Amino acid sequence: LGWNIPYEFSEMDLVISRQQLRIFVDECNWPERGDKAIPFVALAYLAGECNYGGRVTDDKDRRCLNTIIKDIYTIDILRDDYKFTASGKYYAPPEGKVSDYIEFIRGLPLNDYPEVFELHDNANITSAVSETMALLNTTLSLQTRAASGEGMSWDDTVNSL
């Protein structure tokens, strides 16, 4: 995800952010002390500037990342009617059993819509064009450059993949 530069985020970024969230929630004794006890601003800073933001070098990408993070680390997430997106497809499920969460996850789309990243629907077009170009470039790189009487033909090489 990146506005200007593509960035590779690792599983460890997510693990660290989850651990920090757990530590903060446990330390603040929520829900006994109430909703105000969770330091959402500090959590957003840690995730947006330290964990994920440490790799982000472009100022517009940093702004994009922090905007997305602030929609997640907000006191509003504690409301049952809070949705991450305008369509309402993405939201934090209500408290329940493990089976309820599994069912909720199974109901999510297999391919994320751009709206989950606060992007316009045209982002799908850009992504599809990039994937197509990568596929075509890989296919063209397999084509033989000079004619020789030996080896497989270009069609045979592509078909073998």
N, C-alpha and C. Protein backbone atom coordinates (compact mmCIF):
# COMPACT_ATOMS: atom_id res chain seq x y z
N LEU A 1 0.85 -1.17 0.00
CA LEU A 1 0.00 0.00 0.00
C LEU A 1 0.90 1.23 0.00
N GLY A 2 0.61 2.14 -0.87
CA GLY A 2 1.35 3.38 -0.92
C GLY A 2 0.73 4.30 -1.95
N TRP A 3 0.71 5.56 -1.64
CA TRP A 3 0.16 6.53 -2.57
C TRP A 3 1.15 6.76 -3.71
N ASN A 4 2.39 6.92 -3.38
CA ASN A 4 3.42 7.18 -4.38
C ASN A 4 4.42 6.05 -4.55
N ILE A 5 4.71 5.35 -3.47
CA ILE A 5 5.72 4.29 -3.48
C ILE A 5 5.09 3.04 -2.89
N PRO A 6 5.25 1.88 -3.54
CA PRO A 6 4.73 0.66 -2.91
C PRO A 6 5.64 0.22 -1.76
N TYR A 7 5.02 -0.19 -0.67
CA TYR A 7 5.77 -0.62 0.51
C TYR A 7 5.42 -2.06 0.83
N GLU A 8 6.38 -2.78 1.35
CA GLU A 8 6.16 -4.15 1.78
C GLU A 8 6.10 -4.15 3.31
N PHE A 9 4.93 -4.44 3.84
CA PHE A 9 4.79 -4.57 5.29
C PHE A 9 4.85 -6.05 5.63
N SER A 10 5.43 -6.35 6.76
CA SER A 10 5.63 -7.75 7.13
C SER A 10 4.60 -8.20 8.15
N GLU A 11 4.53 -9.49 8.33
CA GLU A 11 3.67 -10.08 9.36
C GLU A 11 4.09 -9.59 10.74
N MET A 12 5.39 -9.33 10.90
CA MET A 12 5.89 -8.87 12.19
C MET A 12 5.34 -7.49 12.55
N ASP A 13 5.10 -6.62 11.56
CA ASP A 13 4.49 -5.33 11.83
C ASP A 13 3.12 -5.52 12.49
N LEU A 14 2.35 -6.46 11.96
CA LEU A 14 1.03 -6.75 12.52
C LEU A 14 1.15 -7.36 13.92
N VAL A 15 2.07 -8.30 14.08
CA VAL A 15 2.27 -8.96 15.38
C VAL A 15 2.62 -7.93 16.45
N ILE A 16 3.55 -7.05 16.15
CA ILE A 16 3.97 -6.03 17.12
C ILE A 16 2.81 -5.10 17.46
N SER A 17 2.05 -4.68 16.45
CA SER A 17 0.90 -3.80 16.70
C SER A 17 -0.14 -4.49 17.56
N ARG A 18 -0.39 -5.77 17.32
CA ARG A 18 -1.35 -6.52 18.15
C ARG A 18 -0.85 -6.64 19.58
N GLN A 19 0.45 -6.91 19.74
CA GLN A 19 1.01 -7.04 21.10
C GLN A 19 0.91 -5.72 21.85
N GLN A 20 1.20 -4.63 21.16
CA GLN A 20 1.09 -3.32 21.81
C GLN A 20 -0.35 -3.03 22.22
N LEU A 21 -1.29 -3.35 21.35
CA LEU A 21 -2.70 -3.14 21.68
C LEU A 21 -3.07 -3.95 22.91
N ARG A 22 -2.67 -5.21 22.95
CA ARG A 22 -2.96 -6.07 24.09
C ARG A 22 -2.36 -5.49 25.38
N ILE A 23 -1.11 -5.05 25.32
CA ILE A 23 -0.44 -4.49 26.50
C ILE A 23 -1.19 -3.25 26.99
N PHE A 24 -1.53 -2.34 26.07
CA PHE A 24 -2.21 -1.11 26.47
C PHE A 24 -3.58 -1.40 27.06
N VAL A 25 -4.34 -2.30 26.45
CA VAL A 25 -5.68 -2.61 26.96
C VAL A 25 -5.57 -3.28 28.33
N ASP A 26 -4.62 -4.21 28.48
CA ASP A 26 -4.44 -4.87 29.77
C ASP A 26 -4.00 -3.89 30.85
N GLU A 27 -3.08 -2.99 30.51
CA GLU A 27 -2.54 -2.04 31.49
C GLU A 27 -3.56 -0.99 31.93
N CYS A 28 -4.47 -0.64 31.04
CA CYS A 28 -5.40 0.44 31.40
C CYS A 28 -6.64 -0.09 32.10
N ASN A 29 -6.71 -1.41 32.31
CA ASN A 29 -7.83 -2.03 33.01
C ASN A 29 -9.18 -1.72 32.37
N TRP A 30 -9.20 -1.70 31.07
CA TRP A 30 -10.46 -1.53 30.37
C TRP A 30 -11.22 -2.85 30.44
N PRO A 31 -12.49 -2.96 30.63
CA PRO A 31 -13.48 -1.90 30.62
C PRO A 31 -13.81 -1.32 32.00
N GLU A 32 -13.11 -1.77 33.05
CA GLU A 32 -13.42 -1.27 34.39
C GLU A 32 -13.29 0.24 34.50
N ARG A 33 -12.28 0.81 33.82
CA ARG A 33 -12.04 2.26 33.94
C ARG A 33 -12.77 3.05 32.87
N GLY A 34 -13.45 2.39 31.96
CA GLY A 34 -14.24 3.09 30.95
C GLY A 34 -13.48 3.30 29.65
N ASP A 35 -14.21 3.77 28.66
CA ASP A 35 -13.68 3.94 27.31
C ASP A 35 -12.51 4.91 27.22
N LYS A 36 -12.50 5.91 28.07
CA LYS A 36 -11.45 6.95 28.01
C LYS A 36 -10.09 6.43 28.45
N ALA A 37 -10.07 5.23 29.05
CA ALA A 37 -8.82 4.69 29.58
C ALA A 37 -7.89 4.20 28.47
N ILE A 38 -8.45 3.83 27.32
CA ILE A 38 -7.61 3.31 26.23
C ILE A 38 -6.96 4.48 25.52
N PRO A 39 -5.63 4.50 25.44
CA PRO A 39 -4.92 5.63 24.81
C PRO A 39 -4.86 5.47 23.28
N PHE A 40 -5.98 5.74 22.62
CA PHE A 40 -6.06 5.54 21.17
C PHE A 40 -5.05 6.39 20.40
N VAL A 41 -4.80 7.61 20.85
CA VAL A 41 -3.85 8.48 20.17
C VAL A 41 -2.45 7.88 20.22
N ALA A 42 -2.06 7.37 21.38
CA ALA A 42 -0.73 6.74 21.52
C ALA A 42 -0.63 5.48 20.67
N LEU A 43 -1.69 4.67 20.67
CA LEU A 43 -1.70 3.45 19.86
C LEU A 43 -1.60 3.78 18.37
N ALA A 44 -2.33 4.80 17.93
CA ALA A 44 -2.27 5.21 16.52
C ALA A 44 -0.87 5.69 16.17
N TYR A 45 -0.24 6.41 17.08
CA TYR A 45 1.12 6.89 16.83
C TYR A 45 2.09 5.71 16.70
N LEU A 46 2.00 4.77 17.62
CA LEU A 46 2.91 3.62 17.58
C LEU A 46 2.74 2.83 16.29
N ALA A 47 1.50 2.56 15.91
CA ALA A 47 1.27 1.77 14.69
C ALA A 47 1.61 2.57 13.44
N GLY A 48 1.17 3.83 13.39
CA GLY A 48 1.33 4.63 12.18
C GLY A 48 2.70 5.23 11.97
N GLU A 49 3.38 5.55 13.04
CA GLU A 49 4.69 6.20 12.90
C GLU A 49 5.85 5.25 13.15
N CYS A 50 5.65 4.29 14.04
CA CYS A 50 6.77 3.40 14.42
C CYS A 50 6.71 2.06 13.69
N ASN A 51 5.64 1.32 13.92
CA ASN A 51 5.57 -0.05 13.39
C ASN A 51 5.50 -0.07 11.87
N TYR A 52 4.47 0.51 11.32
CA TYR A 52 4.30 0.53 9.86
C TYR A 52 5.01 1.73 9.25
N GLY A 53 4.89 2.86 9.90
CA GLY A 53 5.42 4.11 9.36
C GLY A 53 6.93 4.17 9.28
N GLY A 54 7.62 3.30 9.97
CA GLY A 54 9.08 3.30 9.93
C GLY A 54 9.63 3.03 8.54
N ARG A 55 8.87 2.37 7.71
CA ARG A 55 9.30 2.07 6.34
C ARG A 55 8.86 3.14 5.34
N VAL A 56 7.88 3.94 5.71
CA VAL A 56 7.29 4.90 4.79
C VAL A 56 8.18 6.13 4.67
N THR A 57 8.60 6.41 3.46
CA THR A 57 9.53 7.52 3.24
C THR A 57 8.89 8.74 2.61
N ASP A 58 7.77 8.58 1.94
CA ASP A 58 7.10 9.69 1.27
C ASP A 58 6.10 10.35 2.22
N ASP A 59 6.08 11.67 2.24
CA ASP A 59 5.20 12.38 3.17
C ASP A 59 3.71 12.15 2.87
N LYS A 60 3.36 12.03 1.59
CA LYS A 60 1.95 11.78 1.25
C LYS A 60 1.55 10.35 1.61
N ASP A 61 2.48 9.42 1.47
CA ASP A 61 2.22 8.05 1.88
C ASP A 61 2.04 7.97 3.39
N ARG A 62 2.84 8.72 4.12
CA ARG A 62 2.72 8.75 5.58
C ARG A 62 1.36 9.31 5.99
N ARG A 63 0.92 10.35 5.31
CA ARG A 63 -0.39 10.93 5.61
C ARG A 63 -1.50 9.93 5.31
N CYS A 64 -1.39 9.22 4.19
CA CYS A 64 -2.38 8.20 3.82
C CYS A 64 -2.42 7.09 4.88
N LEU A 65 -1.27 6.61 5.26
CA LEU A 65 -1.18 5.55 6.27
C LEU A 65 -1.79 5.99 7.60
N ASN A 66 -1.45 7.17 8.04
CA ASN A 66 -1.96 7.66 9.33
C ASN A 66 -3.46 7.91 9.29
N THR A 67 -3.99 8.29 8.15
CA THR A 67 -5.44 8.47 8.02
C THR A 67 -6.15 7.13 8.17
N ILE A 68 -5.61 6.10 7.55
CA ILE A 68 -6.20 4.77 7.67
C ILE A 68 -6.09 4.27 9.11
N ILE A 69 -4.93 4.46 9.73
CA ILE A 69 -4.72 4.02 11.12
C ILE A 69 -5.68 4.72 12.07
N LYS A 70 -5.92 6.01 11.87
CA LYS A 70 -6.79 6.77 12.79
C LYS A 70 -8.24 6.30 12.71
N ASP A 71 -8.63 5.71 11.57
CA ASP A 71 -9.98 5.15 11.47
C ASP A 71 -10.11 3.85 12.24
N ILE A 72 -9.00 3.22 12.54
CA ILE A 72 -9.02 1.96 13.28
C ILE A 72 -8.81 2.21 14.77
N TYR A 73 -7.83 3.02 15.10
CA TYR A 73 -7.55 3.34 16.51
C TYR A 73 -8.36 4.57 16.90
N THR A 74 -9.63 4.35 17.14
CA THR A 74 -10.53 5.43 17.53
C THR A 74 -11.49 4.91 18.60
N ILE A 75 -11.91 5.80 19.47
CA ILE A 75 -12.86 5.41 20.52
C ILE A 75 -14.18 4.96 19.90
N ASP A 76 -14.47 5.43 18.68
CA ASP A 76 -15.72 5.06 18.01
C ASP A 76 -15.80 3.57 17.72
N ILE A 77 -14.67 2.89 17.65
CA ILE A 77 -14.68 1.46 17.37
C ILE A 77 -15.39 0.67 18.47
N LEU A 78 -15.53 1.25 19.63
CA LEU A 78 -16.22 0.58 20.73
C LEU A 78 -17.74 0.62 20.58
N ARG A 79 -18.24 1.45 19.66
CA ARG A 79 -19.68 1.50 19.38
C ARG A 79 -20.06 0.33 18.48
N ASP A 80 -21.20 -0.27 18.72
CA ASP A 80 -21.65 -1.41 17.91
C ASP A 80 -21.96 -1.02 16.47
N ASP A 81 -22.31 0.24 16.23
CA ASP A 81 -22.68 0.66 14.88
C ASP A 81 -21.52 1.28 14.09
N TYR A 82 -20.30 1.24 14.62
CA TYR A 82 -19.15 1.82 13.92
C TYR A 82 -18.73 0.95 12.75
N LYS A 83 -18.57 1.55 11.59
CA LYS A 83 -18.14 0.85 10.38
C LYS A 83 -16.85 1.49 9.88
N PHE A 84 -15.96 0.65 9.35
CA PHE A 84 -14.71 1.16 8.80
C PHE A 84 -14.92 1.81 7.44
N THR A 85 -15.96 1.38 6.73
CA THR A 85 -16.21 1.88 5.38
C THR A 85 -17.64 2.36 5.26
N ALA A 86 -17.87 3.20 4.26
CA ALA A 86 -19.21 3.75 4.04
C ALA A 86 -20.22 2.67 3.67
N SER A 87 -19.77 1.64 2.96
CA SER A 87 -20.69 0.58 2.54
C SER A 87 -21.15 -0.28 3.71
N GLY A 88 -20.38 -0.28 4.80
CA GLY A 88 -20.73 -1.09 5.96
C GLY A 88 -20.25 -2.53 5.86
N LYS A 89 -19.51 -2.88 4.80
CA LYS A 89 -19.00 -4.25 4.64
C LYS A 89 -17.92 -4.59 5.66
N TYR A 90 -17.18 -3.58 6.06
CA TYR A 90 -16.06 -3.79 6.96
C TYR A 90 -16.34 -3.12 8.30
N TYR A 91 -16.35 -3.92 9.34
CA TYR A 91 -16.60 -3.43 10.70
C TYR A 91 -16.04 -4.43 11.69
N ALA A 92 -15.87 -3.98 12.92
CA ALA A 92 -15.42 -4.88 13.98
C ALA A 92 -16.64 -5.68 14.44
N PRO A 93 -16.54 -6.99 14.44
CA PRO A 93 -17.71 -7.79 14.82
C PRO A 93 -18.03 -7.60 16.30
N PRO A 94 -19.30 -7.79 16.65
CA PRO A 94 -19.66 -7.68 18.07
C PRO A 94 -19.03 -8.81 18.87
N GLU A 95 -18.94 -8.60 20.17
CA GLU A 95 -18.35 -9.62 21.05
C GLU A 95 -19.16 -10.91 20.93
N GLY A 96 -18.44 -12.02 20.87
CA GLY A 96 -19.12 -13.30 20.73
C GLY A 96 -18.19 -14.46 20.95
N LYS A 97 -18.64 -15.62 20.51
CA LYS A 97 -17.84 -16.84 20.63
C LYS A 97 -16.87 -16.92 19.45
N VAL A 98 -15.88 -17.79 19.57
CA VAL A 98 -14.90 -17.99 18.50
C VAL A 98 -15.60 -18.35 17.20
N SER A 99 -16.62 -19.19 17.28
CA SER A 99 -17.35 -19.60 16.08
C SER A 99 -18.02 -18.40 15.40
N ASP A 100 -18.46 -17.42 16.18
CA ASP A 100 -19.05 -16.20 15.61
C ASP A 100 -18.01 -15.42 14.81
N TYR A 101 -16.80 -15.35 15.35
CA TYR A 101 -15.73 -14.63 14.65
C TYR A 101 -15.33 -15.36 13.37
N ILE A 102 -15.26 -16.66 13.44
CA ILE A 102 -14.92 -17.45 12.25
C ILE A 102 -15.97 -17.24 11.17
N GLU A 103 -17.22 -17.26 11.55
CA GLU A 103 -18.31 -17.03 10.59
C GLU A 103 -18.23 -15.62 10.00
N PHE A 104 -17.91 -14.64 10.84
CA PHE A 104 -17.75 -13.27 10.36
C PHE A 104 -16.63 -13.19 9.33
N ILE A 105 -15.50 -13.81 9.62
CA ILE A 105 -14.35 -13.79 8.70
C ILE A 105 -14.69 -14.49 7.40
N ARG A 106 -15.40 -15.58 7.46
CA ARG A 106 -15.80 -16.30 6.24
C ARG A 106 -16.73 -15.45 5.38
N GLY A 107 -17.44 -14.53 5.99
CA GLY A 107 -18.36 -13.67 5.25
C GLY A 107 -17.69 -12.49 4.56
N LEU A 108 -16.42 -12.25 4.88
CA LEU A 108 -15.70 -11.14 4.25
C LEU A 108 -15.35 -11.50 2.80
N PRO A 109 -15.26 -10.50 1.93
CA PRO A 109 -14.89 -10.79 0.54
C PRO A 109 -13.50 -11.42 0.45
N LEU A 110 -13.33 -12.34 -0.51
CA LEU A 110 -12.03 -12.98 -0.71
C LEU A 110 -10.99 -11.97 -1.16
N ASN A 111 -11.38 -11.05 -2.01
CA ASN A 111 -10.48 -9.99 -2.48
C ASN A 111 -10.96 -8.68 -1.87
N ASP A 112 -10.05 -8.00 -1.19
CA ASP A 112 -10.41 -6.74 -0.54
C ASP A 112 -10.79 -5.69 -1.56
N TYR A 113 -11.88 -4.99 -1.28
CA TYR A 113 -12.28 -3.86 -2.11
C TYR A 113 -11.40 -2.67 -1.75
N PRO A 114 -11.15 -1.76 -2.69
CA PRO A 114 -10.31 -0.60 -2.41
C PRO A 114 -10.81 0.24 -1.24
N GLU A 115 -12.12 0.22 -1.00
CA GLU A 115 -12.67 1.05 0.07
C GLU A 115 -12.11 0.69 1.44
N VAL A 116 -11.68 -0.56 1.63
CA VAL A 116 -11.13 -0.94 2.94
C VAL A 116 -9.83 -0.19 3.21
N PHE A 117 -9.15 0.26 2.15
CA PHE A 117 -7.93 1.04 2.28
C PHE A 117 -8.19 2.52 2.03
N GLU A 118 -9.47 2.90 2.02
CA GLU A 118 -9.90 4.27 1.77
C GLU A 118 -9.45 4.75 0.39
N LEU A 119 -9.48 3.85 -0.57
CA LEU A 119 -9.11 4.18 -1.93
C LEU A 119 -10.35 4.19 -2.81
N HIS A 120 -10.27 4.90 -3.92
CA HIS A 120 -11.37 4.97 -4.89
C HIS A 120 -11.49 3.62 -5.60
N ASP A 121 -12.68 3.33 -6.11
CA ASP A 121 -12.90 2.07 -6.81
C ASP A 121 -11.97 1.90 -8.01
N ASN A 122 -11.50 3.00 -8.58
CA ASN A 122 -10.57 2.92 -9.72
C ASN A 122 -9.23 2.31 -9.34
N ALA A 123 -8.97 2.17 -8.06
CA ALA A 123 -7.72 1.53 -7.63
C ALA A 123 -7.68 0.08 -8.11
N ASN A 124 -8.85 -0.55 -8.26
CA ASN A 124 -8.90 -1.91 -8.81
C ASN A 124 -8.36 -1.93 -10.24
N ILE A 125 -8.70 -0.91 -11.01
CA ILE A 125 -8.23 -0.83 -12.39
C ILE A 125 -6.71 -0.70 -12.42
N THR A 126 -6.18 0.19 -11.61
CA THR A 126 -4.74 0.39 -11.54
C THR A 126 -4.03 -0.90 -11.13
N SER A 127 -4.58 -1.58 -10.16
CA SER A 127 -4.00 -2.84 -9.69
C SER A 127 -4.04 -3.90 -10.79
N ALA A 128 -5.17 -4.00 -11.49
CA ALA A 128 -5.30 -5.00 -12.55
C ALA A 128 -4.34 -4.72 -13.69
N VAL A 129 -4.17 -3.45 -14.04
CA VAL A 129 -3.24 -3.08 -15.11
C VAL A 129 -1.81 -3.44 -14.70
N SER A 130 -1.44 -3.16 -13.46
CA SER A 130 -0.09 -3.48 -12.97
C SER A 130 0.16 -4.99 -12.99
N GLU A 131 -0.82 -5.76 -12.54
CA GLU A 131 -0.68 -7.22 -12.55
C GLU A 131 -0.57 -7.75 -13.98
N THR A 132 -1.36 -7.20 -14.89
CA THR A 132 -1.31 -7.62 -16.29
C THR A 132 0.04 -7.30 -16.91
N MET A 133 0.55 -6.11 -16.64
CA MET A 133 1.85 -5.72 -17.19
C MET A 133 2.96 -6.62 -16.65
N ALA A 134 2.90 -6.96 -15.37
CA ALA A 134 3.90 -7.85 -14.79
C ALA A 134 3.85 -9.23 -15.44
N LEU A 135 2.64 -9.73 -15.66
CA LEU A 135 2.48 -11.03 -16.31
C LEU A 135 3.01 -11.00 -17.74
N LEU A 136 2.65 -9.96 -18.49
CA LEU A 136 3.12 -9.85 -19.88
C LEU A 136 4.64 -9.67 -19.94
N ASN A 137 5.20 -8.88 -19.06
CA ASN A 137 6.66 -8.70 -19.05
C ASN A 137 7.39 -10.01 -18.74
N THR A 138 6.84 -10.78 -17.80
CA THR A 138 7.43 -12.07 -17.49
C THR A 138 7.34 -13.00 -18.70
N THR A 139 6.18 -13.02 -19.34
CA THR A 139 6.00 -13.87 -20.52
C THR A 139 6.94 -13.47 -21.64
N LEU A 140 7.07 -12.16 -21.87
CA LEU A 140 7.97 -11.69 -22.92
C LEU A 140 9.43 -11.97 -22.60
N SER A 141 9.77 -11.98 -21.32
CA SER A 141 11.17 -12.26 -20.97
C SER A 141 11.56 -13.70 -21.27
N LEU A 142 10.56 -14.57 -21.42
CA LEU A 142 10.83 -15.96 -21.74
C LEU A 142 11.07 -16.18 -23.24
N GLN A 143 10.68 -15.18 -24.02
CA GLN A 143 10.83 -15.30 -25.48
C GLN A 143 12.31 -15.30 -25.85
N THR A 144 12.67 -16.19 -26.76
CA THR A 144 14.06 -16.24 -27.20
C THR A 144 14.39 -14.98 -27.97
N ARG A 145 15.62 -14.51 -27.80
CA ARG A 145 16.05 -13.25 -28.42
C ARG A 145 16.62 -13.46 -29.82
N ALA A 146 17.28 -14.56 -30.00
CA ALA A 146 17.90 -14.82 -31.30
C ALA A 146 17.49 -16.21 -31.74
N ALA A 147 17.37 -16.36 -33.03
CA ALA A 147 16.96 -17.66 -33.58
C ALA A 147 18.12 -18.63 -33.50
N SER A 148 17.84 -19.79 -32.98
CA SER A 148 18.84 -20.84 -32.96
C SER A 148 18.12 -22.14 -33.25
N GLY A 149 18.79 -23.08 -33.76
CA GLY A 149 18.18 -24.32 -34.15
C GLY A 149 17.95 -25.27 -33.00
N GLU A 150 18.37 -24.90 -31.79
CA GLU A 150 18.29 -25.82 -30.66
C GLU A 150 17.32 -25.30 -29.60
N GLY A 151 16.92 -26.18 -28.70
CA GLY A 151 16.09 -25.79 -27.57
C GLY A 151 14.62 -25.72 -27.93
N MET A 152 13.82 -25.35 -26.90
CA MET A 152 12.38 -25.27 -27.09
C MET A 152 12.02 -23.95 -27.76
N SER A 153 10.92 -23.97 -28.49
CA SER A 153 10.41 -22.73 -29.09
C SER A 153 9.78 -21.89 -27.98
N TRP A 154 9.49 -20.64 -28.30
CA TRP A 154 8.87 -19.75 -27.33
C TRP A 154 7.51 -20.30 -26.90
N ASP A 155 6.72 -20.81 -27.83
CA ASP A 155 5.41 -21.38 -27.50
C ASP A 155 5.56 -22.57 -26.56
N ASP A 156 6.56 -23.42 -26.82
CA ASP A 156 6.77 -24.58 -25.96
C ASP A 156 7.18 -24.15 -24.54
N THR A 157 8.02 -23.12 -24.46
CA THR A 157 8.47 -22.63 -23.15
C THR A 157 7.30 -22.09 -22.35
N VAL A 158 6.45 -21.28 -22.97
CA VAL A 158 5.30 -20.70 -22.29
C VAL A 158 4.31 -21.80 -21.89
N ASN A 159 4.08 -22.75 -22.78
CA ASN A 159 3.14 -23.83 -22.48
C ASN A 159 3.65 -24.73 -21.36
N SER A 160 4.94 -24.84 -21.19
CA SER A 160 5.49 -25.66 -20.13
C SER A 160 5.29 -25.07 -18.75
N LEU A 161 5.01 -23.77 -18.69
CA LEU A 161 4.76 -23.13 -17.41
C LEU A 161 3.41 -23.51 -16.93
